[in-house]
Amino acid sequence: MKRMIAQYDYVAFFPKFMTRNDYYLQHGLIKAIPIKGQTAGFEVGYIESKKYKTTPQDKRIIQILKEIPGIKKDPEIE
């Protein structure tokens, strides 16, 4: 899945533990954008390819996620 994200115009949601010590992240082939929520029983993040620009549709999905009550951007990123 991560190879597809790195090579093509895909995004995916992964549990945080799947991004630790990851080859694709460590070599800059993909980028992880953690999404944290205080009221959620779990954490998810947004991962995108560095080769492709974020489309308006991708930006809209991210905006919708940010608008969900209890979801906030991780202050350690960007």
PDB file of N, CA and C in Angstrom:
ATOM      1  N   MET A   1       0.821  -1.179   0.000  1.00  0.00           N
ATOM      2  CA  MET A   1       0.000   0.000   0.000  1.00  0.00           C
ATOM      3  C   MET A   1       0.874   1.253   0.000  1.00  0.00           C
ATOM      4  N   LYS A   2       1.897   1.279   0.841  1.00  0.00           N
ATOM      5  CA  LYS A   2       2.749   2.473   0.922  1.00  0.00           C
ATOM      6  C   LYS A   2       3.518   2.688  -0.379  1.00  0.00           C
ATOM      7  N   ARG A   3       3.876   1.603  -1.034  1.00  0.00           N
ATOM      8  CA  ARG A   3       4.547   1.728  -2.332  1.00  0.00           C
ATOM      9  C   ARG A   3       3.607   2.380  -3.345  1.00  0.00           C
ATOM     10  N   MET A   4       2.333   1.986  -3.324  1.00  0.00           N
ATOM     11  CA  MET A   4       1.353   2.595  -4.235  1.00  0.00           C
ATOM     12  C   MET A   4       1.202   4.082  -3.946  1.00  0.00           C
ATOM     13  N   ILE A   5       1.210   4.448  -2.683  1.00  0.00           N
ATOM     14  CA  ILE A   5       1.107   5.866  -2.321  1.00  0.00           C
ATOM     15  C   ILE A   5       2.322   6.625  -2.844  1.00  0.00           C
ATOM     16  N   ALA A   6       3.499   6.028  -2.707  1.00  0.00           N
ATOM     17  CA  ALA A   6       4.732   6.681  -3.151  1.00  0.00           C
ATOM     18  C   ALA A   6       4.797   6.808  -4.675  1.00  0.00           C
ATOM     19  N   GLN A   7       4.276   5.819  -5.397  1.00  0.00           N
ATOM     20  CA  GLN A   7       4.419   5.793  -6.850  1.00  0.00           C
ATOM     21  C   GLN A   7       3.262   6.437  -7.608  1.00  0.00           C
ATOM     22  N   TYR A   8       2.094   6.469  -6.996  1.00  0.00           N
ATOM     23  CA  TYR A   8       0.912   6.950  -7.700  1.00  0.00           C
ATOM     24  C   TYR A   8       0.218   8.031  -6.880  1.00  0.00           C
ATOM     25  N   ASP A   9      -0.901   8.492  -7.361  1.00  0.00           N
ATOM     26  CA  ASP A   9      -1.651   9.563  -6.714  1.00  0.00           C
ATOM     27  C   ASP A   9      -2.683   8.969  -5.754  1.00  0.00           C
ATOM     28  N   TYR A  10      -2.196   8.428  -4.632  1.00  0.00           N
ATOM     29  CA  TYR A  10      -3.060   7.800  -3.629  1.00  0.00           C
ATOM     30  C   TYR A  10      -2.811   8.402  -2.260  1.00  0.00           C
ATOM     31  N   VAL A  11      -3.800   8.275  -1.412  1.00  0.00           N
ATOM     32  CA  VAL A  11      -3.662   8.597   0.008  1.00  0.00           C
ATOM     33  C   VAL A  11      -4.279   7.434   0.783  1.00  0.00           C
ATOM     34  N   ALA A  12      -3.916   7.303   2.055  1.00  0.00           N
ATOM     35  CA  ALA A  12      -4.472   6.232   2.888  1.00  0.00           C
ATOM     36  C   ALA A  12      -4.415   6.645   4.348  1.00  0.00           C
ATOM     37  N   PHE A  13      -5.226   6.002   5.145  1.00  0.00           N
ATOM     38  CA  PHE A  13      -5.206   6.201   6.585  1.00  0.00           C
ATOM     39  C   PHE A  13      -4.611   4.952   7.220  1.00  0.00           C
ATOM     40  N   PHE A  14      -3.650   5.162   8.120  1.00  0.00           N
ATOM     41  CA  PHE A  14      -2.992   4.058   8.811  1.00  0.00           C
ATOM     42  C   PHE A  14      -2.984   4.309  10.306  1.00  0.00           C
ATOM     43  N   PRO A  15      -3.010   3.232  11.096  1.00  0.00           N
ATOM     44  CA  PRO A  15      -2.792   3.415  12.536  1.00  0.00           C
ATOM     45  C   PRO A  15      -1.381   3.956  12.763  1.00  0.00           C
ATOM     46  N   LYS A  16      -1.201   4.706  13.817  1.00  0.00           N
ATOM     47  CA  LYS A  16       0.087   5.333  14.089  1.00  0.00           C
ATOM     48  C   LYS A  16       1.232   4.316  14.134  1.00  0.00           C
ATOM     49  N   PHE A  17       0.978   3.125  14.701  1.00  0.00           N
ATOM     50  CA  PHE A  17       2.057   2.136  14.822  1.00  0.00           C
ATOM     51  C   PHE A  17       2.587   1.696  13.459  1.00  0.00           C
ATOM     52  N   MET A  18       1.814   1.847  12.396  1.00  0.00           N
ATOM     53  CA  MET A  18       2.268   1.442  11.063  1.00  0.00           C
ATOM     54  C   MET A  18       3.184   2.474  10.408  1.00  0.00           C
ATOM     55  N   THR A  19       3.394   3.612  11.065  1.00  0.00           N
ATOM     56  CA  THR A  19       4.290   4.619  10.501  1.00  0.00           C
ATOM     57  C   THR A  19       5.631   4.669  11.227  1.00  0.00           C
ATOM     58  N   ARG A  20       5.781   3.891  12.278  1.00  0.00           N
ATOM     59  CA  ARG A  20       7.041   3.891  13.031  1.00  0.00           C
ATOM     60  C   ARG A  20       8.109   3.110  12.265  1.00  0.00           C
ATOM     61  N   ASN A  21       9.296   3.659  12.202  1.00  0.00           N
ATOM     62  CA  ASN A  21      10.439   3.014  11.544  1.00  0.00           C
ATOM     63  C   ASN A  21      10.097   2.553  10.127  1.00  0.00           C
ATOM     64  N   ASP A  22       9.348   3.360   9.413  1.00  0.00           N
ATOM     65  CA  ASP A  22       8.893   2.999   8.079  1.00  0.00           C
ATOM     66  C   ASP A  22       9.891   3.437   7.017  1.00  0.00           C
ATOM     67  N   TYR A  23      10.250   2.536   6.135  1.00  0.00           N
ATOM     68  CA  TYR A  23      11.218   2.798   5.068  1.00  0.00           C
ATOM     69  C   TYR A  23      10.783   3.981   4.202  1.00  0.00           C
ATOM     70  N   TYR A  24       9.532   3.989   3.784  1.00  0.00           N
ATOM     71  CA  TYR A  24       9.042   5.029   2.884  1.00  0.00           C
ATOM     72  C   TYR A  24       9.069   6.406   3.545  1.00  0.00           C
ATOM     73  N   LEU A  25       8.741   6.472   4.821  1.00  0.00           N
ATOM     74  CA  LEU A  25       8.799   7.742   5.543  1.00  0.00           C
ATOM     75  C   LEU A  25      10.236   8.168   5.791  1.00  0.00           C
ATOM     76  N   GLN A  26      11.075   7.227   6.200  1.00  0.00           N
ATOM     77  CA  GLN A  26      12.469   7.541   6.514  1.00  0.00           C
ATOM     78  C   GLN A  26      13.241   8.023   5.295  1.00  0.00           C
ATOM     79  N   HIS A  27      12.869   7.561   4.111  1.00  0.00           N
ATOM     80  CA  HIS A  27      13.561   7.954   2.883  1.00  0.00           C
ATOM     81  C   HIS A  27      12.847   9.077   2.122  1.00  0.00           C
ATOM     82  N   GLY A  28      11.843   9.673   2.754  1.00  0.00           N
ATOM     83  CA  GLY A  28      11.168  10.816   2.142  1.00  0.00           C
ATOM     84  C   GLY A  28      10.310  10.491   0.937  1.00  0.00           C
ATOM     85  N   LEU A  29       9.909   9.231   0.791  1.00  0.00           N
ATOM     86  CA  LEU A  29       9.091   8.842  -0.355  1.00  0.00           C
ATOM     87  C   LEU A  29       7.616   9.163  -0.145  1.00  0.00           C
ATOM     88  N   ILE A  30       7.201   9.185   1.105  1.00  0.00           N
ATOM     89  CA  ILE A  30       5.843   9.582   1.463  1.00  0.00           C
ATOM     90  C   ILE A  30       5.923  10.482   2.687  1.00  0.00           C
ATOM     91  N   LYS A  31       4.834  11.144   2.984  1.00  0.00           N
ATOM     92  CA  LYS A  31       4.802  12.070   4.119  1.00  0.00           C
ATOM     93  C   LYS A  31       3.617  11.706   4.997  1.00  0.00           C
ATOM     94  N   ALA A  32       3.825  11.620   6.298  1.00  0.00           N
ATOM     95  CA  ALA A  32       2.742  11.332   7.236  1.00  0.00           C
ATOM     96  C   ALA A  32       2.256  12.637   7.857  1.00  0.00           C
ATOM     97  N   ILE A  33       0.959  12.789   7.916  1.00  0.00           N
ATOM     98  CA  ILE A  33       0.354  13.952   8.556  1.00  0.00           C
ATOM     99  C   ILE A  33      -0.575  13.417   9.649  1.00  0.00           C
ATOM    100  N   PRO A  34      -0.101  13.363  10.886  1.00  0.00           N
ATOM    101  CA  PRO A  34      -0.944  12.825  11.958  1.00  0.00           C
ATOM    102  C   PRO A  34      -2.187  13.670  12.194  1.00  0.00           C
ATOM    103  N   ILE A  35      -3.268  12.990  12.483  1.00  0.00           N
ATOM    104  CA  ILE A  35      -4.522  13.630  12.829  1.00  0.00           C
ATOM    105  C   ILE A  35      -4.896  13.079  14.196  1.00  0.00           C
ATOM    106  N   LYS A  36      -4.938  13.954  15.200  1.00  0.00           N
ATOM    107  CA  LYS A  36      -5.220  13.501  16.558  1.00  0.00           C
ATOM    108  C   LYS A  36      -6.571  14.032  17.020  1.00  0.00           C
ATOM    109  N   GLY A  37      -7.256  13.240  17.805  1.00  0.00           N
ATOM    110  CA  GLY A  37      -8.538  13.664  18.351  1.00  0.00           C
ATOM    111  C   GLY A  37      -8.605  13.356  19.836  1.00  0.00           C
ATOM    112  N   GLN A  38      -9.008  14.317  20.600  1.00  0.00           N
ATOM    113  CA  GLN A  38      -9.078  14.131  22.043  1.00  0.00           C
ATOM    114  C   GLN A  38     -10.175  13.157  22.451  1.00  0.00           C
ATOM    115  N   THR A  39     -11.295  13.168  21.728  1.00  0.00           N
ATOM    116  CA  THR A  39     -12.397  12.315  22.120  1.00  0.00           C
ATOM    117  C   THR A  39     -12.397  10.975  21.399  1.00  0.00           C
ATOM    118  N   ALA A  40     -11.554  10.818  20.413  1.00  0.00           N
ATOM    119  CA  ALA A  40     -11.505   9.560  19.670  1.00  0.00           C
ATOM    120  C   ALA A  40     -10.772   8.500  20.480  1.00  0.00           C
ATOM    121  N   GLY A  41     -11.182   7.263  20.320  1.00  0.00           N
ATOM    122  CA  GLY A  41     -10.521   6.160  20.998  1.00  0.00           C
ATOM    123  C   GLY A  41      -9.308   5.677  20.237  1.00  0.00           C
ATOM    124  N   PHE A  42      -8.992   6.350  19.138  1.00  0.00           N
ATOM    125  CA  PHE A  42      -7.850   5.964  18.314  1.00  0.00           C
ATOM    126  C   PHE A  42      -7.305   7.190  17.598  1.00  0.00           C
ATOM    127  N   GLU A  43      -6.124   7.041  17.010  1.00  0.00           N
ATOM    128  CA  GLU A  43      -5.512   8.121  16.239  1.00  0.00           C
ATOM    129  C   GLU A  43      -5.349   7.662  14.802  1.00  0.00           C
ATOM    130  N   VAL A  44      -5.561   8.576  13.873  1.00  0.00           N
ATOM    131  CA  VAL A  44      -5.329   8.288  12.464  1.00  0.00           C
ATOM    132  C   VAL A  44      -4.486   9.408  11.889  1.00  0.00           C
ATOM    133  N   GLY A  45      -3.871   9.149  10.765  1.00  0.00           N
ATOM    134  CA  GLY A  45      -3.082  10.167  10.093  1.00  0.00           C
ATOM    135  C   GLY A  45      -3.290  10.095   8.595  1.00  0.00           C
ATOM    136  N   TYR A  46      -2.954  11.145   7.931  1.00  0.00           N
ATOM    137  CA  TYR A  46      -3.081  11.266   6.483  1.00  0.00           C
ATOM    138  C   TYR A  46      -1.683  11.175   5.903  1.00  0.00           C
ATOM    139  N   ILE A  47      -1.477  10.272   4.933  1.00  0.00           N
ATOM    140  CA  ILE A  47      -0.173  10.090   4.295  1.00  0.00           C
ATOM    141  C   ILE A  47      -0.348  10.369   2.811  1.00  0.00           C
ATOM    142  N   GLU A  48       0.545  11.181   2.246  1.00  0.00           N
ATOM    143  CA  GLU A  48       0.450  11.486   0.815  1.00  0.00           C
ATOM    144  C   GLU A  48       1.810  11.368   0.158  1.00  0.00           C
ATOM    145  N   SER A  49       1.804  11.168  -1.142  1.00  0.00           N
ATOM    146  CA  SER A  49       3.033  11.097  -1.914  1.00  0.00           C
ATOM    147  C   SER A  49       3.632  12.489  -2.057  1.00  0.00           C
ATOM    148  N   LYS A  50       4.954  12.580  -1.969  1.00  0.00           N
ATOM    149  CA  LYS A  50       5.612  13.862  -2.170  1.00  0.00           C
ATOM    150  C   LYS A  50       5.725  14.196  -3.665  1.00  0.00           C
ATOM    151  N   LYS A  51       5.485  13.204  -4.537  1.00  0.00           N
ATOM    152  CA  LYS A  51       5.585  13.416  -5.978  1.00  0.00           C
ATOM    153  C   LYS A  51       4.400  14.196  -6.543  1.00  0.00           C
ATOM    154  N   TYR A  52       3.251  14.104  -5.892  1.00  0.00           N
ATOM    155  CA  TYR A  52       2.031  14.678  -6.443  1.00  0.00           C
ATOM    156  C   TYR A  52       1.491  15.786  -5.556  1.00  0.00           C
ATOM    157  N   LYS A  53       0.924  16.782  -6.186  1.00  0.00           N
ATOM    158  CA  LYS A  53       0.310  17.869  -5.436  1.00  0.00           C
ATOM    159  C   LYS A  53      -1.052  17.406  -4.923  1.00  0.00           C
ATOM    160  N   THR A  54      -1.434  17.950  -3.790  1.00  0.00           N
ATOM    161  CA  THR A  54      -2.744  17.646  -3.221  1.00  0.00           C
ATOM    162  C   THR A  54      -3.822  18.265  -4.107  1.00  0.00           C
ATOM    163  N   THR A  55      -4.806  17.465  -4.483  1.00  0.00           N
ATOM    164  CA  THR A  55      -5.886  17.946  -5.351  1.00  0.00           C
ATOM    165  C   THR A  55      -6.927  18.696  -4.514  1.00  0.00           C
ATOM    166  N   PRO A  56      -7.782  19.459  -5.165  1.00  0.00           N
ATOM    167  CA  PRO A  56      -8.854  20.123  -4.422  1.00  0.00           C
ATOM    168  C   PRO A  56      -9.735  19.120  -3.660  1.00  0.00           C
ATOM    169  N   GLN A  57      -9.953  17.929  -4.239  1.00  0.00           N
ATOM    170  CA  GLN A  57     -10.749  16.907  -3.560  1.00  0.00           C
ATOM    171  C   GLN A  57     -10.040  16.422  -2.295  1.00  0.00           C
ATOM    172  N   ASP A  58      -8.721  16.212  -2.392  1.00  0.00           N
ATOM    173  CA  ASP A  58      -7.940  15.800  -1.217  1.00  0.00           C
ATOM    174  C   ASP A  58      -8.025  16.873  -0.133  1.00  0.00           C
ATOM    175  N   LYS A  59      -7.863  18.125  -0.536  1.00  0.00           N
ATOM    176  CA  LYS A  59      -7.914  19.227   0.429  1.00  0.00           C
ATOM    177  C   LYS A  59      -9.278  19.294   1.107  1.00  0.00           C
ATOM    178  N   ARG A  60     -10.329  19.029   0.350  1.00  0.00           N
ATOM    179  CA  ARG A  60     -11.686  19.071   0.920  1.00  0.00           C
ATOM    180  C   ARG A  60     -11.869  17.956   1.952  1.00  0.00           C
ATOM    181  N   ILE A  61     -11.391  16.767   1.649  1.00  0.00           N
ATOM    182  CA  ILE A  61     -11.496  15.652   2.602  1.00  0.00           C
ATOM    183  C   ILE A  61     -10.739  15.983   3.880  1.00  0.00           C
ATOM    184  N   ILE A  62      -9.541  16.524   3.743  1.00  0.00           N
ATOM    185  CA  ILE A  62      -8.754  16.904   4.912  1.00  0.00           C
ATOM    186  C   ILE A  62      -9.496  17.976   5.715  1.00  0.00           C
ATOM    187  N   GLN A  63     -10.087  18.946   5.036  1.00  0.00           N
ATOM    188  CA  GLN A  63     -10.836  19.998   5.722  1.00  0.00           C
ATOM    189  C   GLN A  63     -12.024  19.418   6.479  1.00  0.00           C
ATOM    190  N   ILE A  64     -12.727  18.481   5.855  1.00  0.00           N
ATOM    191  CA  ILE A  64     -13.868  17.832   6.522  1.00  0.00           C
ATOM    192  C   ILE A  64     -13.400  17.105   7.776  1.00  0.00           C
ATOM    193  N   LEU A  65     -12.282  16.392   7.680  1.00  0.00           N
ATOM    194  CA  LEU A  65     -11.740  15.691   8.847  1.00  0.00           C
ATOM    195  C   LEU A  65     -11.391  16.666   9.966  1.00  0.00           C
ATOM    196  N   LYS A  66     -10.802  17.796   9.603  1.00  0.00           N
ATOM    197  CA  LYS A  66     -10.422  18.793  10.611  1.00  0.00           C
ATOM    198  C   LYS A  66     -11.641  19.397  11.296  1.00  0.00           C
ATOM    199  N   GLU A  67     -12.779  19.405  10.608  1.00  0.00           N
ATOM    200  CA  GLU A  67     -13.991  19.992  11.163  1.00  0.00           C
ATOM    201  C   GLU A  67     -14.743  19.046  12.089  1.00  0.00           C
ATOM    202  N   ILE A  68     -14.354  17.779  12.124  1.00  0.00           N
ATOM    203  CA  ILE A  68     -15.017  16.819  13.012  1.00  0.00           C
ATOM    204  C   ILE A  68     -14.672  17.183  14.454  1.00  0.00           C
ATOM    205  N   PRO A  69     -15.666  17.326  15.310  1.00  0.00           N
ATOM    206  CA  PRO A  69     -15.389  17.683  16.708  1.00  0.00           C
ATOM    207  C   PRO A  69     -14.418  16.699  17.351  1.00  0.00           C
ATOM    208  N   GLY A  70     -13.432  17.239  18.055  1.00  0.00           N
ATOM    209  CA  GLY A  70     -12.453  16.407  18.753  1.00  0.00           C
ATOM    210  C   GLY A  70     -11.238  16.057  17.924  1.00  0.00           C
ATOM    211  N   ILE A  71     -11.240  16.378  16.637  1.00  0.00           N
ATOM    212  CA  ILE A  71     -10.085  16.071  15.792  1.00  0.00           C
ATOM    213  C   ILE A  71      -9.238  17.329  15.690  1.00  0.00           C
ATOM    214  N   LYS A  72      -7.955  17.181  15.911  1.00  0.00           N
ATOM    215  CA  LYS A  72      -7.062  18.340  15.801  1.00  0.00           C
ATOM    216  C   LYS A  72      -5.756  17.923  15.143  1.00  0.00           C
ATOM    217  N   LYS A  73      -5.078  18.884  14.575  1.00  0.00           N
ATOM    218  CA  LYS A  73      -3.795  18.660  13.929  1.00  0.00           C
ATOM    219  C   LYS A  73      -2.717  18.519  14.978  1.00  0.00           C
ATOM    220  N   ASP A  74      -1.802  17.609  14.767  1.00  0.00           N
ATOM    221  CA  ASP A  74      -0.698  17.403  15.691  1.00  0.00           C
ATOM    222  C   ASP A  74       0.225  18.612  15.625  1.00  0.00           C
ATOM    223  N   PRO A  75       0.470  19.316  16.734  1.00  0.00           N
ATOM    224  CA  PRO A  75       1.312  20.516  16.712  1.00  0.00           C
ATOM    225  C   PRO A  75       2.792  20.213  16.421  1.00  0.00           C
ATOM    226  N   GLU A  76       3.193  18.949  16.497  1.00  0.00           N
ATOM    227  CA  GLU A  76       4.590  18.582  16.210  1.00  0.00           C
ATOM    228  C   GLU A  76       4.887  18.572  14.727  1.00  0.00           C
ATOM    229  N   ILE A  77       3.848  18.579  13.895  1.00  0.00           N
ATOM    230  CA  ILE A  77       4.023  18.523  12.438  1.00  0.00           C
ATOM    231  C   ILE A  77       3.840  19.925  11.864  1.00  0.00           C
ATOM    232  N   GLU A  78       4.731  20.285  10.944  1.00  0.00           N
ATOM    233  CA  GLU A  78       4.742  21.573  10.227  1.00  0.00           C
ATOM    234  C   GLU A  78       4.894  22.694  11.177  1.00  0.00           C
TER     235      GLU A  78
END
